Amino acid sequence: MLNSIKSKLGQSIRNKRLNVFGLFFLIAFLILVVTKLSETYVETIPFNVEYKNLPEANVITLDSVPKVNVTVSTHGFNLFSYYFYDNSYQLDFETSTFVKDNTYIWLAEKGTYAIKEQLGNSVKIVSVTPDTLRFPFGKLSTKMVPVVLKSKVNYALGYDALNGIELMPDSVKVIGAEDQISEIAFIETVPFNLNNVKTNVDTELDLAFESTSKHLKLSEDNVRIKAEVEKFTEGTFEIPISILNLPNTNEINFFPKHIKVAYYLSLKDYKYVTPNDFKIECDYNEVLASGKSYFTPKLIVNSSKVKTAKMKQNKVEYIIIK
């Protein structure tokens, strides 16, 4: 038992010696750090340029954020803080630039005072590079362009979209410099592919806007697409042919007298469509002008319920009797 007490007492003394040594080591390290931070250093600090007081009617057309490198002389304590924050320089377009050839020009010799104010009196500016920054700009404008759906939609056998695929909105505004947006004619959606579709479609789709300039924006980032999908069927009618603009003094014979028309529509609307919803017309003035020996019939569909319709014959022969 006596040996156990001696062992614990010795361990306690050794631990105290280690604690005292650690404390003195920490104090020595802190003194060294304080001494080093009290010395004067020359360092180069990069600053991201942020815009201030840019006129609302103008837009900077640079694709990257410019930087200025500021070389300073100051105590280590002052430099220490710059390593923990994102440094930015507020460039004032009203007071720190002048305009030449649709370009704002900033000179370091003029902007140094503003940087000095931002850094404080304890920091001495040695140099600023580059000595000149150029900011080309354009007049802010908007343009409405159509949205083009980039899709491959395959419906199940006997199914189709009642009114096609609808886009909401079907056009968007492009916002940016006038000379840049003038080249944009339309905006495509990202690819949208579906197979064996039997039910309604209702979803949002992103716009594929990969502009060469980061300063162009869209009024919408996505569009909504909808399609009312129904069971479809096909029907046929024999439709009589009408001859237009035939003079009273002329008489012709033509054949056939009827043409079969195949039409495609929703199954639920099938009973509402009749032969009276279709007309086939041949224009006598057209054959006089072209000199053809036959009519080219034109199909007229007067029902919005019919999705598509097609004649089984595209030529009507005729002979002049008198």
Protein backbone atom coordinates (compact mmCIF):
# COMPACT_ATOMS: atom_id res chain seq x y z
CA MET A 1 0.00 0.00 0.00
CA LEU A 2 2.90 2.33 0.82
CA ASN A 3 4.35 1.69 -2.64
CA SER A 4 1.01 2.59 -4.21
CA ILE A 5 0.91 5.96 -2.40
CA LYS A 6 4.49 6.75 -3.47
CA SER A 7 3.62 5.91 -7.09
CA LYS A 8 0.59 8.22 -7.17
CA LEU A 9 2.54 11.05 -5.50
CA GLY A 10 5.33 10.79 -8.09
CA GLN A 11 2.86 10.77 -10.98
CA SER A 12 1.15 13.88 -9.60
CA ILE A 13 4.48 15.75 -9.39
CA ARG A 14 5.36 14.78 -12.95
CA ASN A 15 1.92 15.94 -14.24
CA LYS A 16 2.34 19.29 -12.50
CA ARG A 17 5.75 19.72 -14.08
CA LEU A 18 4.23 18.98 -17.53
CA ASN A 19 1.39 21.45 -16.93
CA VAL A 20 3.83 24.19 -15.90
CA PHE A 21 5.99 23.45 -18.97
CA GLY A 22 2.95 23.59 -21.25
CA LEU A 23 1.85 26.90 -19.76
CA PHE A 24 5.28 28.49 -20.28
CA PHE A 25 5.41 27.10 -23.83
CA LEU A 26 2.01 28.63 -24.61
CA ILE A 27 3.04 31.99 -23.16
CA ALA A 28 6.26 31.96 -25.19
CA PHE A 29 4.33 31.13 -28.36
CA LEU A 30 1.84 33.96 -27.80
CA ILE A 31 4.67 36.43 -27.20
CA LEU A 32 6.28 35.30 -30.45
CA VAL A 33 2.98 35.69 -32.39
CA VAL A 34 2.36 39.15 -30.94
CA THR A 35 5.92 40.18 -31.79
CA LYS A 36 5.57 38.98 -35.37
CA LEU A 37 2.17 40.63 -35.86
CA SER A 38 3.59 43.90 -34.53
CA GLU A 39 6.14 44.03 -37.34
CA THR A 40 5.51 45.82 -40.64
CA TYR A 41 4.85 43.72 -43.75
CA VAL A 42 4.35 44.40 -47.43
CA GLU A 43 1.65 42.17 -48.96
CA THR A 44 -0.53 42.16 -52.09
CA ILE A 45 -4.26 41.74 -51.44
CA PRO A 46 -6.68 40.88 -54.28
CA PHE A 47 -9.99 42.79 -54.24
CA ASN A 48 -13.10 41.84 -56.22
CA VAL A 49 -14.65 44.90 -57.86
CA GLU A 50 -18.30 45.55 -56.98
CA TYR A 51 -20.41 48.11 -58.83
CA LYS A 52 -21.91 51.16 -57.21
CA ASN A 53 -24.12 53.92 -58.68
CA LEU A 54 -24.27 52.32 -62.14
CA PRO A 55 -27.08 54.09 -64.09
CA GLU A 56 -30.18 51.91 -64.32
CA ALA A 57 -30.36 52.32 -68.10
CA ASN A 58 -26.88 50.80 -68.58
CA VAL A 59 -25.60 47.25 -68.21
CA ILE A 60 -21.94 46.21 -67.99
CA THR A 61 -21.20 43.60 -70.66
CA LEU A 62 -18.06 42.07 -69.12
CA ASP A 63 -18.37 38.29 -68.70
CA SER A 64 -16.07 38.07 -65.67
CA VAL A 65 -15.75 39.98 -62.40
CA PRO A 66 -12.68 42.25 -62.57
CA LYS A 67 -10.12 42.38 -59.76
CA VAL A 68 -7.56 44.87 -58.52
CA ASN A 69 -4.44 43.83 -56.66
CA VAL A 70 -3.57 46.28 -53.89
CA THR A 71 -0.04 46.10 -52.47
CA VAL A 72 -0.02 47.50 -48.92
CA SER A 73 2.43 48.14 -46.11
CA THR A 74 1.07 47.71 -42.59
CA HIS A 75 1.36 45.84 -39.32
CA GLY A 76 0.66 42.15 -39.28
CA PHE A 77 -2.38 42.72 -37.06
CA ASN A 78 -4.04 44.68 -39.88
CA LEU A 79 -3.15 42.09 -42.52
CA PHE A 80 -4.39 39.24 -40.38
CA SER A 81 -8.06 40.17 -40.87
CA TYR A 82 -7.82 40.18 -44.69
CA TYR A 83 -7.12 36.45 -44.74
CA PHE A 84 -10.52 35.63 -43.24
CA TYR A 85 -12.86 37.75 -45.36
CA ASP A 86 -13.75 38.16 -49.02
CA ASN A 87 -12.29 41.50 -49.92
CA SER A 88 -14.22 43.77 -52.26
CA TYR A 89 -13.74 47.26 -53.61
CA GLN A 90 -16.87 49.36 -54.18
CA LEU A 91 -16.27 51.10 -57.51
CA ASP A 92 -18.42 54.22 -57.79
CA PHE A 93 -19.30 54.87 -61.43
CA GLU A 94 -20.38 58.43 -60.64
CA THR A 95 -17.14 59.61 -59.03
CA SER A 96 -14.40 57.15 -60.04
CA THR A 97 -14.87 56.68 -63.79
CA PHE A 98 -15.25 58.56 -67.06
CA VAL A 99 -16.92 57.43 -70.29
CA LYS A 100 -15.25 56.93 -73.66
CA ASP A 101 -16.67 54.98 -76.65
CA ASN A 102 -19.45 53.28 -74.61
CA THR A 103 -16.89 52.20 -72.01
CA TYR A 104 -16.47 53.26 -68.40
CA ILE A 105 -12.77 53.78 -67.64
CA TRP A 106 -11.32 53.58 -64.14
CA LEU A 107 -7.80 54.80 -63.39
CA ALA A 108 -5.92 53.52 -60.35
CA GLU A 109 -4.46 56.94 -59.57
CA LYS A 110 -7.99 58.29 -59.18
CA GLY A 111 -9.41 55.26 -57.37
CA THR A 112 -6.60 54.94 -54.83
CA TYR A 113 -8.19 57.50 -52.53
CA ALA A 114 -11.40 55.46 -52.26
CA ILE A 115 -9.40 52.27 -51.60
CA LYS A 116 -7.39 54.12 -48.94
CA GLU A 117 -10.59 55.23 -47.21
CA GLN A 118 -11.85 51.65 -47.26
CA LEU A 119 -8.60 50.21 -45.80
CA GLY A 120 -8.13 52.85 -43.10
CA ASN A 121 -5.35 55.20 -42.03
CA SER A 122 -3.16 52.47 -40.54
CA VAL A 123 -2.59 50.93 -43.98
CA LYS A 124 -0.22 52.47 -46.52
CA ILE A 125 -0.92 51.73 -50.21
CA VAL A 126 2.27 50.92 -52.11
CA SER A 127 0.72 50.21 -55.55
CA VAL A 128 -2.49 49.22 -57.31
CA THR A 129 -2.57 46.97 -60.39
CA PRO A 130 -3.80 47.06 -63.05
CA ASP A 131 -3.56 50.81 -63.40
CA THR A 132 -6.62 50.90 -65.70
CA LEU A 133 -9.92 49.00 -65.78
CA ARG A 134 -12.34 49.17 -68.72
CA PHE A 135 -16.05 48.41 -68.39
CA PRO A 136 -17.85 48.23 -71.76
CA PHE A 137 -21.58 48.82 -71.39
CA GLY A 138 -24.76 48.73 -73.42
CA LYS A 139 -28.22 50.19 -73.07
CA LEU A 140 -30.54 47.96 -71.06
CA SER A 141 -33.38 46.65 -73.21
CA THR A 142 -35.98 43.88 -73.35
CA LYS A 143 -37.23 41.67 -76.15
CA MET A 144 -40.12 39.19 -76.23
CA VAL A 145 -39.19 35.91 -77.93
CA PRO A 146 -41.18 32.68 -78.43
CA VAL A 147 -40.49 29.53 -76.43
CA VAL A 148 -39.79 26.47 -78.58
CA LEU A 149 -40.63 23.09 -77.06
CA LYS A 150 -37.87 20.57 -77.68
CA SER A 151 -39.77 17.31 -77.24
CA LYS A 152 -40.31 13.76 -78.37
CA VAL A 153 -43.71 12.61 -77.13
CA ASN A 154 -45.04 9.27 -78.33
CA TYR A 155 -48.67 8.50 -77.46
CA ALA A 156 -50.00 5.03 -76.86
CA LEU A 157 -51.88 3.42 -79.74
CA GLY A 158 -55.26 5.13 -80.11
CA TYR A 159 -54.35 8.08 -77.86
CA ASP A 160 -53.45 11.67 -78.69
CA ALA A 161 -53.42 15.20 -77.25
CA LEU A 162 -56.73 16.95 -77.72
CA ASN A 163 -55.23 20.40 -78.35
CA GLY A 164 -51.58 19.50 -78.71
CA ILE A 165 -49.03 20.42 -76.07
CA GLU A 166 -49.62 23.90 -74.62
CA LEU A 167 -46.84 26.11 -73.23
CA MET A 168 -47.56 28.63 -70.47
CA PRO A 169 -46.18 31.16 -71.10
CA ASP A 170 -45.48 30.61 -74.78
CA SER A 171 -43.00 33.52 -74.89
CA VAL A 172 -40.56 35.16 -72.46
CA LYS A 173 -38.64 38.41 -72.15
CA VAL A 174 -34.90 38.52 -72.69
CA ILE A 175 -33.32 41.30 -70.65
CA GLY A 176 -29.89 42.74 -71.36
CA ALA A 177 -27.82 44.96 -73.61
CA GLU A 178 -29.70 45.85 -76.79
CA ASP A 179 -26.97 44.71 -79.17
CA GLN A 180 -26.79 41.30 -77.47
CA ILE A 181 -30.50 40.48 -77.23
CA SER A 182 -31.07 41.48 -80.87
CA GLU A 183 -29.39 38.23 -81.93
CA ILE A 184 -31.80 36.00 -79.97
CA ALA A 185 -34.80 34.77 -82.02
CA PHE A 186 -36.24 32.13 -79.66
CA ILE A 187 -35.61 30.21 -76.44
CA GLU A 188 -35.71 26.41 -76.34
CA THR A 189 -36.81 24.23 -73.46
CA VAL A 190 -34.61 21.44 -72.14
CA PRO A 191 -35.39 18.12 -73.89
CA PHE A 192 -38.72 16.57 -72.89
CA ASN A 193 -39.27 12.94 -73.85
CA LEU A 194 -42.24 10.67 -73.05
CA ASN A 195 -43.32 7.29 -74.41
CA ASN A 196 -46.59 5.38 -74.44
CA VAL A 197 -48.56 8.35 -73.07
CA LYS A 198 -52.17 7.63 -72.06
CA THR A 199 -52.84 10.26 -69.39
CA ASN A 200 -52.82 14.05 -69.19
CA VAL A 201 -49.47 15.85 -69.10
CA ASP A 202 -48.95 18.68 -66.62
CA THR A 203 -45.41 19.57 -65.54
CA GLU A 204 -42.82 22.34 -65.39
CA LEU A 205 -39.89 22.42 -67.78
CA ASP A 206 -36.71 24.48 -67.50
CA LEU A 207 -35.57 26.77 -70.29
CA ALA A 208 -32.25 25.91 -71.94
CA PHE A 209 -30.73 29.37 -71.94
CA GLU A 210 -26.98 29.15 -72.44
CA SER A 211 -26.07 32.73 -73.15
CA THR A 212 -22.59 33.78 -74.12
CA SER A 213 -23.02 36.66 -71.69
CA LYS A 214 -23.73 36.35 -67.98
CA HIS A 215 -25.53 39.69 -68.11
CA LEU A 216 -28.49 38.44 -70.15
CA LYS A 217 -31.49 37.30 -68.13
CA LEU A 218 -34.92 35.82 -68.79
CA SER A 219 -38.20 36.94 -67.25
CA GLU A 220 -38.97 33.24 -66.58
CA ASP A 221 -36.66 30.34 -65.71
CA ASN A 222 -39.19 27.66 -66.64
CA VAL A 223 -42.51 27.12 -68.37
CA ARG A 224 -45.48 24.89 -67.67
CA ILE A 225 -46.50 22.33 -70.27
CA LYS A 226 -49.97 20.80 -70.45
CA ALA A 227 -51.62 18.29 -72.72
CA GLU A 228 -55.14 16.87 -72.42
CA VAL A 229 -54.74 13.28 -73.57
CA GLU A 230 -57.78 11.36 -74.82
CA LYS A 231 -58.72 8.22 -76.68
CA PHE A 232 -58.87 9.02 -80.41
CA THR A 233 -60.55 7.38 -83.37
CA GLU A 234 -60.88 7.83 -87.14
CA GLY A 235 -64.01 8.36 -89.22
CA THR A 236 -64.76 8.80 -92.94
CA PHE A 237 -67.35 10.68 -95.00
CA GLU A 238 -68.09 11.00 -98.72
CA ILE A 239 -68.12 14.76 -99.31
CA PRO A 240 -69.60 16.33 -102.49
CA ILE A 241 -67.43 18.64 -104.61
CA SER A 242 -68.44 22.26 -105.25
CA ILE A 243 -67.17 24.18 -108.31
CA LEU A 244 -66.52 27.87 -107.67
CA ASN A 245 -66.43 30.77 -110.17
CA LEU A 246 -67.86 28.78 -113.08
CA PRO A 247 -69.37 31.27 -115.59
CA ASN A 248 -73.05 30.86 -116.40
CA THR A 249 -72.14 30.53 -120.06
CA ASN A 250 -69.92 27.51 -119.44
CA GLU A 251 -70.82 23.97 -118.60
CA ILE A 252 -68.39 21.30 -117.47
CA ASN A 253 -68.47 17.72 -116.40
CA PHE A 254 -66.11 16.60 -113.63
CA PHE A 255 -65.34 13.39 -111.84
CA PRO A 256 -65.39 12.13 -109.24
CA LYS A 257 -68.39 13.98 -107.85
CA HIS A 258 -67.51 13.01 -104.25
CA ILE A 259 -64.23 12.46 -102.41
CA LYS A 260 -63.77 10.33 -99.34
CA VAL A 261 -62.42 12.29 -96.34
CA ALA A 262 -60.78 10.55 -93.39
CA TYR A 263 -60.78 12.55 -90.17
CA TYR A 264 -59.20 12.05 -86.77
CA LEU A 265 -60.76 13.19 -83.50
CA SER A 266 -61.40 12.42 -79.87
CA LEU A 267 -63.62 9.41 -79.31
CA LYS A 268 -65.96 11.43 -77.06
CA ASP A 269 -66.54 13.98 -79.89
CA TYR A 270 -67.16 11.41 -82.63
CA LYS A 271 -70.94 11.66 -82.46
CA TYR A 272 -70.90 15.46 -82.80
CA VAL A 273 -69.21 15.58 -86.24
CA THR A 274 -71.33 15.31 -89.42
CA PRO A 275 -70.68 15.59 -93.20
CA ASN A 276 -71.89 19.20 -93.01
CA ASP A 277 -68.68 20.04 -91.12
CA PHE A 278 -66.64 19.45 -94.32
CA LYS A 279 -66.50 21.15 -97.71
CA ILE A 280 -64.48 20.34 -100.81
CA GLU A 281 -64.10 23.18 -103.31
CA CYS A 282 -62.57 23.46 -106.78
CA ASP A 283 -61.89 26.92 -108.25
CA TYR A 284 -62.47 27.34 -112.00
CA ASN A 285 -60.39 30.54 -112.04
CA GLU A 286 -57.43 28.57 -110.79
CA VAL A 287 -57.43 26.15 -113.74
CA LEU A 288 -57.89 29.03 -116.18
CA ALA A 289 -54.83 30.76 -114.73
CA SER A 290 -52.66 27.63 -114.60
CA GLY A 291 -53.87 25.95 -117.79
CA LYS A 292 -54.16 22.60 -116.02
CA SER A 293 -56.56 19.95 -117.25
CA TYR A 294 -57.68 19.09 -113.73
CA PHE A 295 -58.79 20.74 -110.49
CA THR A 296 -56.80 20.64 -107.27
CA PRO A 297 -59.51 20.24 -104.61
CA LYS A 298 -59.30 22.11 -101.31
CA LEU A 299 -60.68 20.67 -98.10
CA ILE A 300 -62.37 23.02 -95.61
CA VAL A 301 -63.11 21.75 -92.08
CA ASN A 302 -65.66 23.73 -90.07
CA SER A 303 -65.42 21.84 -86.78
CA SER A 304 -62.87 22.56 -84.04
CA LYS A 305 -63.42 19.04 -82.74
CA VAL A 306 -61.57 17.53 -85.73
CA LYS A 307 -57.84 17.30 -85.04
CA THR A 308 -56.78 16.33 -88.58
CA ALA A 309 -58.53 15.51 -91.84
CA LYS A 310 -57.28 14.29 -95.20
CA MET A 311 -58.82 13.68 -98.63
CA LYS A 312 -58.27 10.27 -100.24
CA GLN A 313 -57.89 11.91 -103.66
CA ASN A 314 -56.09 15.15 -104.65
CA LYS A 315 -57.13 15.53 -108.29
CA VAL A 316 -60.50 16.15 -109.98
CA GLU A 317 -60.63 15.65 -113.76
CA TYR A 318 -62.96 17.79 -115.88
CA ILE A 319 -64.08 18.30 -119.46
CA ILE A 320 -65.72 21.41 -120.91
CA ILE A 321 -69.08 20.63 -122.52
CA LYS A 322 -69.70 24.17 -123.79
